[in-house]
Amino acid sequence: MNYLLDTHLLLWAAYTPARLSAPARAAIEEEDATLIFSAASIWEVAIKRARNKPDFTAEPVILRRALLDAGYTELPVTGVHAAAIMGFAELHKDPFDRLLLAQAATEGFLLLTADAALAAYGGPVRLV
């Protein structure tokens, strides 16, 4: 299974794995799982770190390198992903999360999230 992790799950997996729920850990540890992170998540971390958001203290360059070293695959953001956002109602206000949803839908990945508002979209999203 191809799992695209949302930004908070990526941060937790990289820095505080104890915060991951049992279902999130189980998905991440599946033998045949392909773990994917979006360039949009690194962008989000960089922006929110620059704004001194308390949940975003990670260094984006180090986070990216750590994810790649741990075997994650990086997904670039394309125009196709950006345009696909139009296909989703604005149930969730966070533009980064909506882009992740569009990427998952476009690429045929399952988006893993701990955000119930994002999971409300259904489809290629699993609340873990």
N, C-alpha and C. Protein backbone atom coordinates (compact mmCIF):
# COMPACT_ATOMS: atom_id res chain seq x y z
N MET A 1 0.85 -1.18 0.00
CA MET A 1 0.00 0.00 0.00
C MET A 1 0.89 1.24 0.00
N ASN A 2 0.49 2.24 -0.76
CA ASN A 2 1.19 3.52 -0.81
C ASN A 2 0.52 4.50 0.14
N TYR A 3 1.25 4.90 1.18
CA TYR A 3 0.72 5.81 2.18
C TYR A 3 1.40 7.17 2.08
N LEU A 4 0.59 8.21 1.87
CA LEU A 4 1.05 9.58 1.95
C LEU A 4 0.72 10.06 3.36
N LEU A 5 1.72 10.46 4.11
CA LEU A 5 1.49 10.90 5.49
C LEU A 5 1.29 12.40 5.54
N ASP A 6 0.33 12.84 6.35
CA ASP A 6 0.15 14.28 6.51
C ASP A 6 1.30 14.83 7.34
N THR A 7 1.39 16.13 7.42
CA THR A 7 2.56 16.78 8.02
C THR A 7 2.73 16.43 9.49
N HIS A 8 1.66 16.42 10.25
CA HIS A 8 1.80 16.10 11.67
C HIS A 8 2.27 14.66 11.87
N LEU A 9 1.73 13.73 11.10
CA LEU A 9 2.18 12.34 11.22
C LEU A 9 3.66 12.23 10.88
N LEU A 10 4.11 12.97 9.87
CA LEU A 10 5.53 12.95 9.52
C LEU A 10 6.39 13.45 10.67
N LEU A 11 5.97 14.56 11.26
CA LEU A 11 6.73 15.12 12.38
C LEU A 11 6.76 14.15 13.57
N TRP A 12 5.62 13.56 13.86
CA TRP A 12 5.57 12.60 14.97
C TRP A 12 6.43 11.38 14.68
N ALA A 13 6.32 10.85 13.46
CA ALA A 13 7.11 9.67 13.10
C ALA A 13 8.60 9.96 13.20
N ALA A 14 9.01 11.15 12.81
CA ALA A 14 10.42 11.51 12.81
C ALA A 14 10.96 11.88 14.19
N TYR A 15 10.14 12.54 15.00
CA TYR A 15 10.67 13.12 16.24
C TYR A 15 10.04 12.59 17.53
N THR A 16 8.76 12.26 17.49
CA THR A 16 8.08 11.79 18.71
C THR A 16 7.16 10.62 18.37
N PRO A 17 7.73 9.47 18.01
CA PRO A 17 6.90 8.34 17.58
C PRO A 17 5.88 7.89 18.62
N ALA A 18 6.11 8.20 19.89
CA ALA A 18 5.14 7.82 20.92
C ALA A 18 3.80 8.53 20.72
N ARG A 19 3.79 9.63 19.98
CA ARG A 19 2.53 10.35 19.71
C ARG A 19 1.68 9.67 18.65
N LEU A 20 2.28 8.77 17.88
CA LEU A 20 1.52 8.07 16.84
C LEU A 20 0.52 7.11 17.48
N SER A 21 -0.66 7.07 16.94
CA SER A 21 -1.67 6.11 17.40
C SER A 21 -1.24 4.71 16.99
N ALA A 22 -1.86 3.71 17.61
CA ALA A 22 -1.56 2.33 17.23
C ALA A 22 -1.88 2.07 15.76
N PRO A 23 -3.03 2.56 15.23
CA PRO A 23 -3.28 2.35 13.80
C PRO A 23 -2.25 3.03 12.89
N ALA A 24 -1.78 4.20 13.28
CA ALA A 24 -0.76 4.89 12.48
C ALA A 24 0.54 4.08 12.48
N ARG A 25 0.95 3.62 13.65
CA ARG A 25 2.16 2.80 13.74
C ARG A 25 2.02 1.53 12.92
N ALA A 26 0.86 0.90 13.01
CA ALA A 26 0.64 -0.35 12.27
C ALA A 26 0.76 -0.11 10.77
N ALA A 27 0.18 0.97 10.26
CA ALA A 27 0.27 1.27 8.83
C ALA A 27 1.71 1.53 8.42
N ILE A 28 2.40 2.35 9.20
CA ILE A 28 3.78 2.71 8.90
C ILE A 28 4.69 1.48 8.92
N GLU A 29 4.38 0.54 9.78
CA GLU A 29 5.24 -0.65 9.93
C GLU A 29 4.84 -1.82 9.04
N GLU A 30 3.78 -1.67 8.23
CA GLU A 30 3.39 -2.74 7.31
C GLU A 30 4.58 -3.09 6.42
N GLU A 31 4.79 -4.37 6.24
CA GLU A 31 5.95 -4.82 5.46
C GLU A 31 5.92 -4.31 4.02
N ASP A 32 4.76 -4.27 3.41
CA ASP A 32 4.68 -3.86 2.01
C ASP A 32 4.29 -2.39 1.83
N ALA A 33 4.36 -1.61 2.90
CA ALA A 33 3.98 -0.20 2.82
C ALA A 33 5.08 0.62 2.14
N THR A 34 4.65 1.49 1.25
CA THR A 34 5.52 2.51 0.69
C THR A 34 5.12 3.81 1.36
N LEU A 35 6.05 4.41 2.09
CA LEU A 35 5.78 5.63 2.84
C LEU A 35 6.23 6.83 2.02
N ILE A 36 5.32 7.78 1.90
CA ILE A 36 5.53 8.92 1.01
C ILE A 36 5.31 10.21 1.79
N PHE A 37 6.16 11.20 1.53
CA PHE A 37 5.92 12.54 2.06
C PHE A 37 5.89 13.51 0.90
N SER A 38 5.10 14.54 1.06
CA SER A 38 4.95 15.55 0.02
C SER A 38 5.93 16.70 0.26
N ALA A 39 6.42 17.24 -0.84
CA ALA A 39 7.21 18.47 -0.75
C ALA A 39 6.39 19.57 -0.08
N ALA A 40 5.06 19.48 -0.20
CA ALA A 40 4.19 20.47 0.45
C ALA A 40 4.32 20.42 1.97
N SER A 41 4.59 19.25 2.53
CA SER A 41 4.77 19.15 3.98
C SER A 41 6.06 19.85 4.42
N ILE A 42 7.11 19.70 3.62
CA ILE A 42 8.36 20.39 3.95
C ILE A 42 8.15 21.90 3.83
N TRP A 43 7.42 22.31 2.83
CA TRP A 43 7.08 23.73 2.64
C TRP A 43 6.29 24.24 3.84
N GLU A 44 5.29 23.46 4.28
CA GLU A 44 4.49 23.85 5.44
C GLU A 44 5.35 24.00 6.69
N VAL A 45 6.24 23.05 6.93
CA VAL A 45 7.12 23.12 8.09
C VAL A 45 8.00 24.37 8.01
N ALA A 46 8.53 24.66 6.83
CA ALA A 46 9.39 25.82 6.67
C ALA A 46 8.65 27.12 6.95
N ILE A 47 7.44 27.24 6.42
CA ILE A 47 6.65 28.46 6.63
C ILE A 47 6.27 28.61 8.10
N LYS A 48 5.78 27.54 8.69
CA LYS A 48 5.32 27.63 10.08
C LYS A 48 6.48 27.75 11.06
N ARG A 49 7.62 27.18 10.72
CA ARG A 49 8.80 27.37 11.56
C ARG A 49 9.24 28.83 11.52
N ALA A 50 9.24 29.42 10.34
CA ALA A 50 9.63 30.83 10.19
C ALA A 50 8.69 31.75 10.96
N ARG A 51 7.45 31.31 11.15
CA ARG A 51 6.47 32.10 11.92
C ARG A 51 6.48 31.73 13.40
N ASN A 52 7.41 30.88 13.81
CA ASN A 52 7.57 30.46 15.20
C ASN A 52 6.34 29.76 15.77
N LYS A 53 5.66 28.96 14.94
CA LYS A 53 4.53 28.16 15.41
C LYS A 53 5.06 27.07 16.34
N PRO A 54 4.48 26.91 17.53
CA PRO A 54 5.04 25.96 18.51
C PRO A 54 5.05 24.50 18.06
N ASP A 55 4.14 24.09 17.19
CA ASP A 55 4.12 22.70 16.71
C ASP A 55 5.12 22.45 15.59
N PHE A 56 5.80 23.49 15.14
CA PHE A 56 6.67 23.37 13.98
C PHE A 56 8.07 23.89 14.31
N THR A 57 8.78 23.14 15.14
CA THR A 57 10.13 23.53 15.53
C THR A 57 11.19 22.75 14.75
N ALA A 58 10.78 21.81 13.93
CA ALA A 58 11.73 21.00 13.15
C ALA A 58 12.41 21.86 12.10
N GLU A 59 13.64 21.53 11.82
CA GLU A 59 14.39 22.16 10.74
C GLU A 59 14.00 21.44 9.44
N PRO A 60 13.38 22.14 8.48
CA PRO A 60 12.86 21.46 7.29
C PRO A 60 13.91 20.68 6.50
N VAL A 61 15.12 21.21 6.37
CA VAL A 61 16.17 20.51 5.62
C VAL A 61 16.53 19.21 6.33
N ILE A 62 16.63 19.24 7.64
CA ILE A 62 16.97 18.04 8.40
C ILE A 62 15.83 17.04 8.37
N LEU A 63 14.60 17.53 8.49
CA LEU A 63 13.44 16.63 8.42
C LEU A 63 13.41 15.91 7.08
N ARG A 64 13.57 16.64 6.00
CA ARG A 64 13.56 16.02 4.67
C ARG A 64 14.63 14.95 4.56
N ARG A 65 15.84 15.27 4.97
CA ARG A 65 16.94 14.31 4.88
C ARG A 65 16.65 13.07 5.73
N ALA A 66 16.11 13.28 6.94
CA ALA A 66 15.80 12.16 7.84
C ALA A 66 14.73 11.25 7.22
N LEU A 67 13.73 11.84 6.59
CA LEU A 67 12.69 11.04 5.95
C LEU A 67 13.25 10.23 4.79
N LEU A 68 14.07 10.86 3.97
CA LEU A 68 14.69 10.13 2.86
C LEU A 68 15.59 9.01 3.38
N ASP A 69 16.37 9.31 4.42
CA ASP A 69 17.25 8.29 5.00
C ASP A 69 16.47 7.13 5.61
N ALA A 70 15.25 7.41 6.08
CA ALA A 70 14.40 6.37 6.67
C ALA A 70 13.64 5.57 5.61
N GLY A 71 13.84 5.90 4.34
CA GLY A 71 13.22 5.13 3.27
C GLY A 71 11.93 5.71 2.71
N TYR A 72 11.54 6.89 3.15
CA TYR A 72 10.36 7.54 2.60
C TYR A 72 10.65 8.02 1.17
N THR A 73 9.62 8.10 0.37
CA THR A 73 9.71 8.61 -0.99
C THR A 73 9.14 10.02 -1.00
N GLU A 74 9.85 10.93 -1.65
CA GLU A 74 9.39 12.31 -1.74
C GLU A 74 8.49 12.49 -2.96
N LEU A 75 7.35 13.14 -2.76
CA LEU A 75 6.41 13.43 -3.83
C LEU A 75 6.45 14.92 -4.13
N PRO A 76 6.87 15.30 -5.34
CA PRO A 76 6.85 16.72 -5.68
C PRO A 76 5.42 17.22 -5.87
N VAL A 77 5.26 18.51 -5.84
CA VAL A 77 3.95 19.13 -6.11
C VAL A 77 3.94 19.51 -7.59
N THR A 78 2.89 19.12 -8.28
CA THR A 78 2.77 19.44 -9.70
C THR A 78 1.53 20.30 -9.95
N GLY A 79 1.45 20.83 -11.14
CA GLY A 79 0.27 21.59 -11.53
C GLY A 79 -0.99 20.74 -11.52
N VAL A 80 -0.85 19.47 -11.84
CA VAL A 80 -2.00 18.56 -11.80
C VAL A 80 -2.53 18.47 -10.38
N HIS A 81 -1.64 18.38 -9.40
CA HIS A 81 -2.06 18.33 -7.99
C HIS A 81 -2.77 19.62 -7.60
N ALA A 82 -2.16 20.74 -7.98
CA ALA A 82 -2.74 22.04 -7.61
C ALA A 82 -4.14 22.21 -8.22
N ALA A 83 -4.30 21.83 -9.47
CA ALA A 83 -5.60 21.97 -10.12
C ALA A 83 -6.64 21.04 -9.52
N ALA A 84 -6.21 19.88 -9.02
CA ALA A 84 -7.15 18.90 -8.46
C ALA A 84 -7.83 19.39 -7.19
N ILE A 85 -7.27 20.39 -6.55
CA ILE A 85 -7.88 20.95 -5.33
C ILE A 85 -9.29 21.44 -5.62
N MET A 86 -9.54 21.90 -6.84
CA MET A 86 -10.87 22.40 -7.20
C MET A 86 -11.95 21.34 -7.07
N GLY A 87 -11.57 20.07 -7.11
CA GLY A 87 -12.54 18.99 -7.04
C GLY A 87 -13.05 18.68 -5.64
N PHE A 88 -12.56 19.40 -4.64
CA PHE A 88 -12.94 19.13 -3.26
C PHE A 88 -13.64 20.34 -2.64
N ALA A 89 -14.74 20.08 -1.97
CA ALA A 89 -15.42 21.15 -1.24
C ALA A 89 -14.48 21.68 -0.17
N GLU A 90 -14.71 22.89 0.27
CA GLU A 90 -13.84 23.49 1.27
C GLU A 90 -14.29 23.10 2.69
N LEU A 91 -14.23 21.80 2.98
CA LEU A 91 -14.55 21.31 4.33
C LEU A 91 -13.44 21.65 5.30
N HIS A 92 -12.25 21.75 4.79
CA HIS A 92 -11.06 21.97 5.60
C HIS A 92 -10.37 23.21 5.08
N LYS A 93 -10.02 24.12 5.96
CA LYS A 93 -9.47 25.41 5.54
C LYS A 93 -7.96 25.37 5.26
N ASP A 94 -7.24 24.39 5.80
CA ASP A 94 -5.78 24.35 5.67
C ASP A 94 -5.40 24.02 4.22
N PRO A 95 -4.77 24.97 3.51
CA PRO A 95 -4.44 24.72 2.11
C PRO A 95 -3.42 23.60 1.92
N PHE A 96 -2.54 23.40 2.89
CA PHE A 96 -1.55 22.33 2.78
C PHE A 96 -2.25 20.97 2.84
N ASP A 97 -3.19 20.82 3.77
CA ASP A 97 -3.90 19.55 3.88
C ASP A 97 -4.76 19.28 2.65
N ARG A 98 -5.35 20.31 2.10
CA ARG A 98 -6.16 20.12 0.89
C ARG A 98 -5.27 19.73 -0.29
N LEU A 99 -4.05 20.26 -0.34
CA LEU A 99 -3.12 19.86 -1.39
C LEU A 99 -2.71 18.40 -1.20
N LEU A 100 -2.46 17.98 0.03
CA LEU A 100 -2.13 16.57 0.29
C LEU A 100 -3.28 15.67 -0.15
N LEU A 101 -4.50 16.07 0.12
CA LEU A 101 -5.67 15.31 -0.31
C LEU A 101 -5.70 15.20 -1.83
N ALA A 102 -5.46 16.31 -2.52
CA ALA A 102 -5.45 16.30 -3.98
C ALA A 102 -4.33 15.40 -4.51
N GLN A 103 -3.18 15.44 -3.86
CA GLN A 103 -2.09 14.57 -4.28
C GLN A 103 -2.46 13.09 -4.11
N ALA A 104 -3.04 12.76 -2.97
CA ALA A 104 -3.43 11.37 -2.73
C ALA A 104 -4.44 10.91 -3.77
N ALA A 105 -5.43 11.73 -4.05
CA ALA A 105 -6.46 11.36 -5.01
C ALA A 105 -5.88 11.22 -6.42
N THR A 106 -5.03 12.14 -6.79
CA THR A 106 -4.44 12.14 -8.13
C THR A 106 -3.50 10.95 -8.34
N GLU A 107 -2.72 10.65 -7.31
CA GLU A 107 -1.69 9.61 -7.44
C GLU A 107 -2.19 8.21 -7.07
N GLY A 108 -3.39 8.11 -6.50
CA GLY A 108 -3.90 6.81 -6.09
C GLY A 108 -3.29 6.33 -4.78
N PHE A 109 -2.88 7.26 -3.93
CA PHE A 109 -2.32 6.94 -2.63
C PHE A 109 -3.40 7.06 -1.56
N LEU A 110 -3.14 6.48 -0.40
CA LEU A 110 -4.02 6.66 0.75
C LEU A 110 -3.35 7.67 1.68
N LEU A 111 -4.06 8.75 1.97
CA LEU A 111 -3.55 9.79 2.85
C LEU A 111 -3.86 9.40 4.29
N LEU A 112 -2.82 9.27 5.10
CA LEU A 112 -2.99 8.98 6.53
C LEU A 112 -2.96 10.29 7.29
N THR A 113 -3.91 10.47 8.20
CA THR A 113 -4.01 11.71 8.96
C THR A 113 -4.53 11.45 10.36
N ALA A 114 -4.18 12.32 11.27
CA ALA A 114 -4.75 12.31 12.61
C ALA A 114 -5.77 13.44 12.75
N ASP A 115 -6.08 14.11 11.65
CA ASP A 115 -6.96 15.27 11.63
C ASP A 115 -8.36 14.85 11.18
N ALA A 116 -9.31 14.86 12.11
CA ALA A 116 -10.68 14.43 11.80
C ALA A 116 -11.33 15.32 10.73
N ALA A 117 -11.00 16.61 10.72
CA ALA A 117 -11.57 17.50 9.70
C ALA A 117 -11.10 17.10 8.31
N LEU A 118 -9.85 16.73 8.18
CA LEU A 118 -9.34 16.28 6.88
C LEU A 118 -9.93 14.92 6.51
N ALA A 119 -10.07 14.04 7.49
CA ALA A 119 -10.63 12.72 7.23
C ALA A 119 -12.10 12.79 6.81
N ALA A 120 -12.77 13.90 7.11
CA ALA A 120 -14.18 14.05 6.74
C ALA A 120 -14.38 14.01 5.23
N TYR A 121 -13.33 14.24 4.46
CA TYR A 121 -13.46 14.15 3.01
C TYR A 121 -13.73 12.73 2.54
N GLY A 122 -13.33 11.75 3.33
CA GLY A 122 -13.50 10.37 2.90
C GLY A 122 -12.59 10.06 1.73
N GLY A 123 -12.99 9.11 0.93
CA GLY A 123 -12.19 8.75 -0.25
C GLY A 123 -10.81 8.26 0.13
N PRO A 124 -9.77 8.90 -0.43
CA PRO A 124 -8.42 8.39 -0.21
C PRO A 124 -7.79 8.85 1.11
N VAL A 125 -8.60 8.98 2.16
CA VAL A 125 -8.10 9.46 3.45
C VAL A 125 -8.45 8.44 4.54
N ARG A 126 -7.49 8.16 5.40
CA ARG A 126 -7.75 7.29 6.53
C ARG A 126 -7.34 8.01 7.82
N LEU A 127 -8.29 8.10 8.76
CA LEU A 127 -8.01 8.67 10.07
C LEU A 127 -7.31 7.62 10.91
N VAL A 128 -6.11 7.94 11.36
CA VAL A 128 -5.33 7.00 12.18
C VAL A 128 -4.91 7.65 13.48
